[in-house]
Structures are given as structure tokens and as C-alpha cells.
Amino acid sequence: MAEPIVRPAADADMAGVRTVAGHFGLLGLWPARPDFVDAEREFGEVLVGEVDGTVAGFGGTLRRGTVTHLGDLFVLPEHQSSGVGRTILSRLLTGDTPRVTFASDDKRALALYVRNGMRPRCPLFYLKRRPYGDQAARRESGRAAPGEADVKAAAAMDAHVSGGDRTSTLTWYAGLPDVTLHVSGSGYAFVRTSGDKAVIGPAGGATPQDCADVVLEAANAHHGAGPVHVAVPGAHPLLALLLDEGWHIGDMDTLLTSEDFMRLDCYAPHPDLG
């Protein structure tokens, strides 16, 4: 087997990147472009690991202020333990800036992230509310696309709870079809419908209760939707509230950070955008 080549992703690589993403089921909430990989290329960095002219794996980051969110590090099974993943990660995470990732239960990946300066903070639970009826998810009736002022207000609150400013990323996200935004003086929640699903996040508030209130408001506004998804840190009181309301845990990751810069009791990240 040839030595892997790790380099920035080019346009010609994106079909291979999405083949890897599809293998790991990463595109289920992104049936059309632009998707989260496009966001990583525009607002962060995407590297590919190439073996014998084929994309064997990729890694992607998004930046918010000085924080680097490692969104993706995936290598096809036949190329795992070959050094592709370690090399991609070492080139994505340089310097001593704060970093965060959501790690699966793969023990090799967890060890790799710890060796790169991150420490487990809490579980990250992926919760799902089953549909109340047969209606498909849809844009809320009479609710316009997010306005510039609302996005800026949400981005300011988001910077406080997520650890860094990402106004450009959130403006891009707010401009996607079927994205709505709930924002008040003390909380914000983005919601995107995709097919029969609705995804809440990122969302946050000045206090844990403010965050819980706006997430519940966003979920209730999609009462007629299909499944509604939200990612909740285990440190957040929202977890117990949603479980009491009949939500179910569909999956779980481990949230790791290099420093204590996130308000884990006031923040519900986006599963893919952080």
C-alpha cells in the first residue's frame, strides 16, 4: 500500500469526501448541498488523506474566534490504524488555541483526542422527539427567514456560551432553506427542517433556564413536525426536562475540550456545526 498523502481538500476531492461521509452515515440530515462539509471548507479547514489516488479519509474543522471545533475525522475501515487519521489530526490541530470535539465511543479516537490536549467534560446526548402526527416537518406558518438583526443578536449570545464568535458561519446557516430562528433578549435557537425531520441547534441562553425555555419554544413551534432532534450536554438541566417530556436518547458522544471555555449548562450545540 502506498504512503498516504494528506493535503487540503480540492473541489475534485469532494465526491470522495462525501463517499467517506456517507459510509459513516453523516449526511442523513443534509440531503442536499450546501452541507456541513461546505461550511467546514468555507469557515474552517478540510483535509483529505489520499491513498493510491483515492480519498481514504478526511477531517474538518470550524472556527469560532480562537476556538477550533473539530467536526469530523473519519477514515474508511480498510485504512484505519494506518496513520491517516493521526496525520490529518496533527495538521488540523496546530498551536495552543482552544479546541473542542464530539467523540464517538471509538476508544482509539478518544485516546487520540486526549493525546492532542483535549479532556472529556461530559456526555453529549442526541435526543429525539417522536412525531405527534403524520404531518411532515415544514417551515413554521407565517414565520419569515431569519433577519440580519436577529442573526447578529443570536451570534452575540452564541459567542458567550460557545466560546467564540462565528457570526459568518451562523449567517451562512441562517440563509439555508428551511432555517428559522427563535431569538429573545436572553436566548436563541436555530431550527432547520430537512425532509420530515427538524434539528434544533445551536441554541443557548444567558442562564440554563433561558436556554431550556428557548429550546422548548422551538420544539413546540414544530409540533406538527416529524422527529425533532437536539444535542444536549449531560451537564445541562434541559436533559432531564426533555426526558420527562417523553424525548428519547438516540445516541451519545463524549464532549472533549482543551480548556473550560463553554457554558455547558447554557448551550445546546448543533450536531454537525458545533
Protein backbone atom coordinates (compact mmCIF):
# COMPACT_ATOMS: atom_id res chain seq x y z
CA MET A 1 0.00 0.00 0.00
CA ALA A 2 1.30 3.44 -0.91
CA GLU A 3 2.07 6.01 1.77
CA PRO A 4 -0.94 8.25 2.46
CA ILE A 5 -0.87 11.83 1.22
CA VAL A 6 -2.56 14.39 3.47
CA ARG A 7 -3.48 17.71 1.87
CA PRO A 8 -6.21 20.36 1.72
CA ALA A 9 -9.37 19.18 0.02
CA ALA A 10 -9.84 20.42 -3.53
CA ASP A 11 -13.11 20.64 -5.46
CA ALA A 12 -12.26 17.36 -7.20
CA ASP A 13 -11.96 15.62 -3.82
CA MET A 14 -15.43 16.44 -2.58
CA ALA A 15 -17.14 13.44 -4.16
CA GLY A 16 -14.64 11.21 -2.34
CA VAL A 17 -15.12 13.13 0.90
CA ARG A 18 -18.87 12.60 0.68
CA THR A 19 -18.35 8.91 -0.07
CA VAL A 20 -16.49 8.62 3.23
CA ALA A 21 -19.14 10.74 4.98
CA GLY A 22 -21.89 8.58 3.52
CA HIS A 23 -20.17 5.39 4.69
CA PHE A 24 -20.42 6.64 8.28
CA GLY A 25 -23.99 7.94 7.90
CA LEU A 26 -23.06 11.60 8.30
CA LEU A 27 -25.31 13.01 5.59
CA GLY A 28 -28.70 11.88 6.86
CA LEU A 29 -29.66 15.39 7.99
CA TRP A 30 -28.03 17.00 4.92
CA PRO A 31 -29.77 15.54 1.85
CA ALA A 32 -28.83 18.49 -0.37
CA ARG A 33 -25.96 20.92 -0.73
CA PRO A 34 -24.68 23.13 0.70
CA ASP A 35 -23.96 20.91 3.68
CA PHE A 36 -21.71 20.88 6.72
CA VAL A 37 -18.63 19.94 4.66
CA ASP A 38 -19.17 23.06 2.56
CA ALA A 39 -19.32 25.05 5.81
CA GLU A 40 -16.06 23.48 7.02
CA ARG A 41 -14.30 24.40 3.76
CA GLU A 42 -15.59 27.99 3.93
CA PHE A 43 -15.27 28.74 7.63
CA GLY A 44 -12.57 26.30 8.73
CA GLU A 45 -10.46 23.68 7.02
CA VAL A 46 -10.95 20.29 5.35
CA LEU A 47 -8.02 17.92 4.80
CA VAL A 48 -8.13 14.63 2.92
CA GLY A 49 -6.00 11.54 3.30
CA GLU A 50 -5.33 10.09 -0.15
CA VAL A 51 -4.12 6.52 -0.74
CA ASP A 52 -3.41 5.26 -4.25
CA GLY A 53 -5.30 8.21 -5.71
CA THR A 54 -8.46 7.61 -3.62
CA VAL A 55 -9.77 9.60 -0.66
CA ALA A 56 -9.37 7.21 2.28
CA GLY A 57 -10.42 9.67 4.97
CA PHE A 58 -10.98 13.30 5.81
CA GLY A 59 -11.00 15.72 8.69
CA GLY A 60 -12.79 19.03 9.03
CA THR A 61 -12.81 21.94 11.43
CA LEU A 62 -14.89 25.04 12.03
CA ARG A 63 -13.59 28.11 13.84
CA ARG A 64 -15.31 30.41 16.27
CA GLY A 65 -12.99 33.13 17.45
CA THR A 66 -9.85 31.43 18.70
CA VAL A 67 -11.69 28.11 19.26
CA THR A 68 -11.23 25.26 16.78
CA HIS A 69 -14.18 22.86 16.61
CA LEU A 70 -13.07 19.51 15.21
CA GLY A 71 -16.23 18.44 13.46
CA ASP A 72 -15.00 15.42 11.53
CA LEU A 73 -12.23 12.86 11.49
CA PHE A 74 -13.22 9.75 9.57
CA VAL A 75 -11.14 7.08 7.85
CA LEU A 76 -12.55 4.16 5.87
CA PRO A 77 -12.22 0.84 7.75
CA GLU A 78 -9.64 -0.64 5.40
CA HIS A 79 -7.31 2.31 6.09
CA GLN A 80 -7.78 2.65 9.84
CA SER A 81 -4.70 2.25 12.06
CA SER A 82 -2.57 3.23 9.07
CA GLY A 83 -1.64 6.68 10.37
CA VAL A 84 -4.02 8.55 8.06
CA GLY A 85 -6.21 9.80 10.90
CA ARG A 86 -3.30 10.77 13.16
CA THR A 87 -1.64 12.71 10.36
CA ILE A 88 -4.83 14.56 9.43
CA LEU A 89 -5.46 15.47 13.07
CA SER A 90 -1.91 16.69 13.68
CA ARG A 91 -2.23 19.07 10.74
CA LEU A 92 -5.70 20.30 11.69
CA LEU A 93 -4.86 20.98 15.33
CA THR A 94 -1.77 23.15 15.43
CA GLY A 95 -0.68 25.65 18.05
CA ASP A 96 -2.13 26.07 21.52
CA THR A 97 -5.53 27.57 20.70
CA PRO A 98 -8.65 26.19 22.45
CA ARG A 99 -10.21 23.15 20.80
CA VAL A 100 -13.35 21.05 21.15
CA THR A 101 -14.77 17.91 19.60
CA PHE A 102 -17.61 15.42 20.00
CA ALA A 103 -16.10 11.92 20.11
CA SER A 104 -17.85 8.64 19.44
CA ASP A 105 -17.24 5.55 21.58
CA ASP A 106 -14.27 4.52 19.43
CA LYS A 107 -11.54 4.07 22.08
CA ARG A 108 -8.78 4.75 19.57
CA ALA A 109 -10.32 8.12 18.68
CA LEU A 110 -10.80 9.08 22.33
CA ALA A 111 -7.17 8.29 23.09
CA LEU A 112 -6.07 10.28 20.05
CA TYR A 113 -8.01 13.36 21.16
CA VAL A 114 -6.67 13.14 24.70
CA ARG A 115 -3.12 12.91 23.36
CA ASN A 116 -3.89 16.10 21.42
CA GLY A 117 -4.67 18.05 24.57
CA MET A 118 -8.42 17.55 24.99
CA ARG A 119 -10.13 16.15 28.07
CA PRO A 120 -13.59 14.62 28.48
CA ARG A 121 -16.02 17.14 30.01
CA CYS A 122 -19.38 15.37 29.88
CA PRO A 123 -21.52 13.12 27.70
CA LEU A 124 -23.32 14.75 24.79
CA PHE A 125 -26.75 13.19 24.34
CA TYR A 126 -28.57 13.21 20.99
CA LEU A 127 -32.25 13.37 21.87
CA LYS A 128 -35.21 12.81 19.60
CA ARG A 129 -38.88 13.60 20.00
CA ARG A 130 -41.10 11.30 18.04
CA PRO A 131 -43.69 12.92 15.75
CA TYR A 132 -47.08 13.74 17.21
CA GLY A 133 -48.87 13.04 13.96
CA ASP A 134 -48.48 12.28 10.28
CA GLN A 135 -47.58 15.80 9.18
CA ALA A 136 -44.15 16.32 7.65
CA ALA A 137 -41.77 18.90 9.07
CA ARG A 138 -42.22 22.31 7.50
CA ARG A 139 -41.30 25.94 7.96
CA GLU A 140 -43.41 27.42 10.69
CA SER A 141 -46.53 29.01 9.29
CA GLY A 142 -46.11 32.74 8.83
CA ARG A 143 -42.53 32.79 10.11
CA ALA A 144 -40.05 34.57 7.84
CA ALA A 145 -36.45 33.61 7.24
CA PRO A 146 -34.09 34.94 9.94
CA GLY A 147 -33.35 38.66 9.59
CA GLU A 148 -29.89 40.18 9.83
CA ALA A 149 -30.55 41.84 13.19
CA ASP A 150 -31.82 38.61 14.74
CA VAL A 151 -28.82 36.65 13.44
CA LYS A 152 -26.41 39.22 14.88
CA ALA A 153 -28.21 39.13 18.23
CA ALA A 154 -28.13 35.33 18.24
CA ALA A 155 -24.44 35.31 17.26
CA ALA A 156 -23.58 37.60 20.17
CA MET A 157 -25.30 35.27 22.64
CA ASP A 158 -23.78 32.23 20.93
CA ALA A 159 -20.25 33.64 21.31
CA HIS A 160 -20.79 33.91 25.06
CA VAL A 161 -21.90 30.30 25.58
CA SER A 162 -19.95 28.51 22.83
CA GLY A 163 -16.61 30.17 23.50
CA GLY A 164 -16.09 32.27 20.38
CA ASP A 165 -17.67 34.41 17.70
CA ARG A 166 -18.89 32.73 14.48
CA THR A 167 -21.18 35.33 13.01
CA SER A 168 -20.18 34.38 9.46
CA THR A 169 -21.00 30.70 9.98
CA LEU A 170 -24.35 31.45 11.60
CA THR A 171 -25.22 33.95 8.86
CA TRP A 172 -24.49 31.22 6.29
CA TYR A 173 -26.62 28.75 8.23
CA ALA A 174 -29.49 31.19 8.64
CA GLY A 175 -29.52 31.68 4.86
CA LEU A 176 -30.15 28.00 4.11
CA PRO A 177 -33.64 26.98 3.01
CA ASP A 178 -35.97 25.98 5.85
CA VAL A 179 -33.88 27.50 8.66
CA THR A 180 -35.75 29.55 11.24
CA LEU A 181 -34.51 31.38 14.31
CA HIS A 182 -36.10 31.95 17.69
CA VAL A 183 -34.41 34.84 19.48
CA SER A 184 -35.20 36.95 22.52
CA GLY A 185 -33.20 39.15 24.83
CA SER A 186 -31.97 36.12 26.75
CA GLY A 187 -31.98 33.14 24.40
CA TYR A 188 -31.71 31.94 20.81
CA ALA A 189 -32.35 28.71 18.91
CA PHE A 190 -31.80 27.88 15.24
CA VAL A 191 -34.09 25.26 13.72
CA ARG A 192 -33.69 23.58 10.35
CA THR A 193 -36.20 21.26 8.76
CA SER A 194 -34.92 18.57 6.42
CA GLY A 195 -37.46 16.26 4.86
CA ASP A 196 -39.60 15.03 7.73
CA LYS A 197 -37.04 15.98 10.40
CA ALA A 198 -36.33 19.14 12.38
CA VAL A 199 -32.95 19.83 14.02
CA ILE A 200 -32.61 22.37 16.84
CA GLY A 201 -29.21 23.99 17.34
CA PRO A 202 -27.13 25.79 18.03
CA ALA A 203 -29.16 27.18 20.89
CA GLY A 204 -28.26 28.94 24.10
CA GLY A 205 -29.26 31.38 26.78
CA ALA A 206 -27.96 33.70 29.45
CA THR A 207 -28.96 31.14 32.09
CA PRO A 208 -29.72 27.41 31.97
CA GLN A 209 -33.43 28.22 32.23
CA ASP A 210 -33.24 30.73 29.36
CA CYS A 211 -31.64 28.09 27.16
CA ALA A 212 -34.18 25.46 28.19
CA ASP A 213 -37.08 27.85 27.52
CA VAL A 214 -35.97 28.75 24.00
CA VAL A 215 -35.28 25.11 23.05
CA LEU A 216 -38.72 24.09 24.29
CA GLU A 217 -40.26 27.04 22.43
CA ALA A 218 -38.54 25.97 19.22
CA ALA A 219 -39.61 22.34 19.67
CA ASN A 220 -43.21 23.28 20.41
CA ALA A 221 -43.29 25.54 17.35
CA HIS A 222 -42.68 22.37 15.32
CA HIS A 223 -45.50 20.47 17.00
CA GLY A 224 -46.66 19.13 13.64
CA ALA A 225 -43.20 18.08 12.51
CA GLY A 226 -41.76 14.64 12.15
CA PRO A 227 -38.91 13.68 14.50
CA VAL A 228 -37.26 16.65 16.23
CA HIS A 229 -33.57 16.32 17.15
CA VAL A 230 -31.42 18.25 19.63
CA ALA A 231 -27.95 17.67 21.16
CA VAL A 232 -27.77 18.30 24.91
CA PRO A 233 -24.66 18.21 27.13
CA GLY A 234 -25.09 15.96 30.13
CA ALA A 235 -24.35 18.94 32.39
CA HIS A 236 -27.44 20.79 31.15
CA PRO A 237 -30.69 20.67 33.21
CA LEU A 238 -32.53 20.58 29.86
CA LEU A 239 -31.63 16.88 29.62
CA ALA A 240 -33.91 15.86 32.48
CA LEU A 241 -36.67 18.21 31.30
CA LEU A 242 -36.77 16.67 27.82
CA LEU A 243 -36.63 13.10 29.13
CA ASP A 244 -39.54 13.93 31.44
CA GLU A 245 -41.46 15.20 28.40
CA GLY A 246 -41.01 11.90 26.58
CA TRP A 247 -37.94 12.59 24.46
CA HIS A 248 -35.63 9.64 23.85
CA ILE A 249 -31.83 9.31 23.76
CA GLY A 250 -30.89 8.13 20.30
CA ASP A 251 -27.12 8.26 20.61
CA MET A 252 -24.34 9.65 22.75
CA ASP A 253 -20.88 11.13 22.23
CA THR A 254 -18.27 12.42 24.64
CA LEU A 255 -17.71 16.19 24.60
CA LEU A 256 -14.00 16.99 24.94
CA THR A 257 -12.34 20.40 25.24
CA SER A 258 -8.80 21.60 25.81
CA GLU A 259 -9.96 24.32 28.23
CA ASP A 260 -13.07 25.21 30.20
CA PHE A 261 -14.43 27.81 27.76
CA MET A 262 -18.00 26.59 27.10
CA ARG A 263 -21.13 27.18 29.15
CA LEU A 264 -22.23 23.55 29.06
CA ASP A 265 -25.30 24.27 31.21
CA CYS A 266 -26.47 27.08 28.90
CA TYR A 267 -25.73 25.67 25.45
CA ALA A 268 -27.17 23.09 23.05
CA PRO A 269 -24.76 22.70 20.12
CA HIS A 270 -25.60 21.78 16.57
CA PRO A 271 -24.69 18.10 15.97
CA ASP A 272 -22.52 18.98 12.96
CA LEU A 273 -21.68 22.67 13.31
CA GLY A 274 -20.87 22.63 17.00
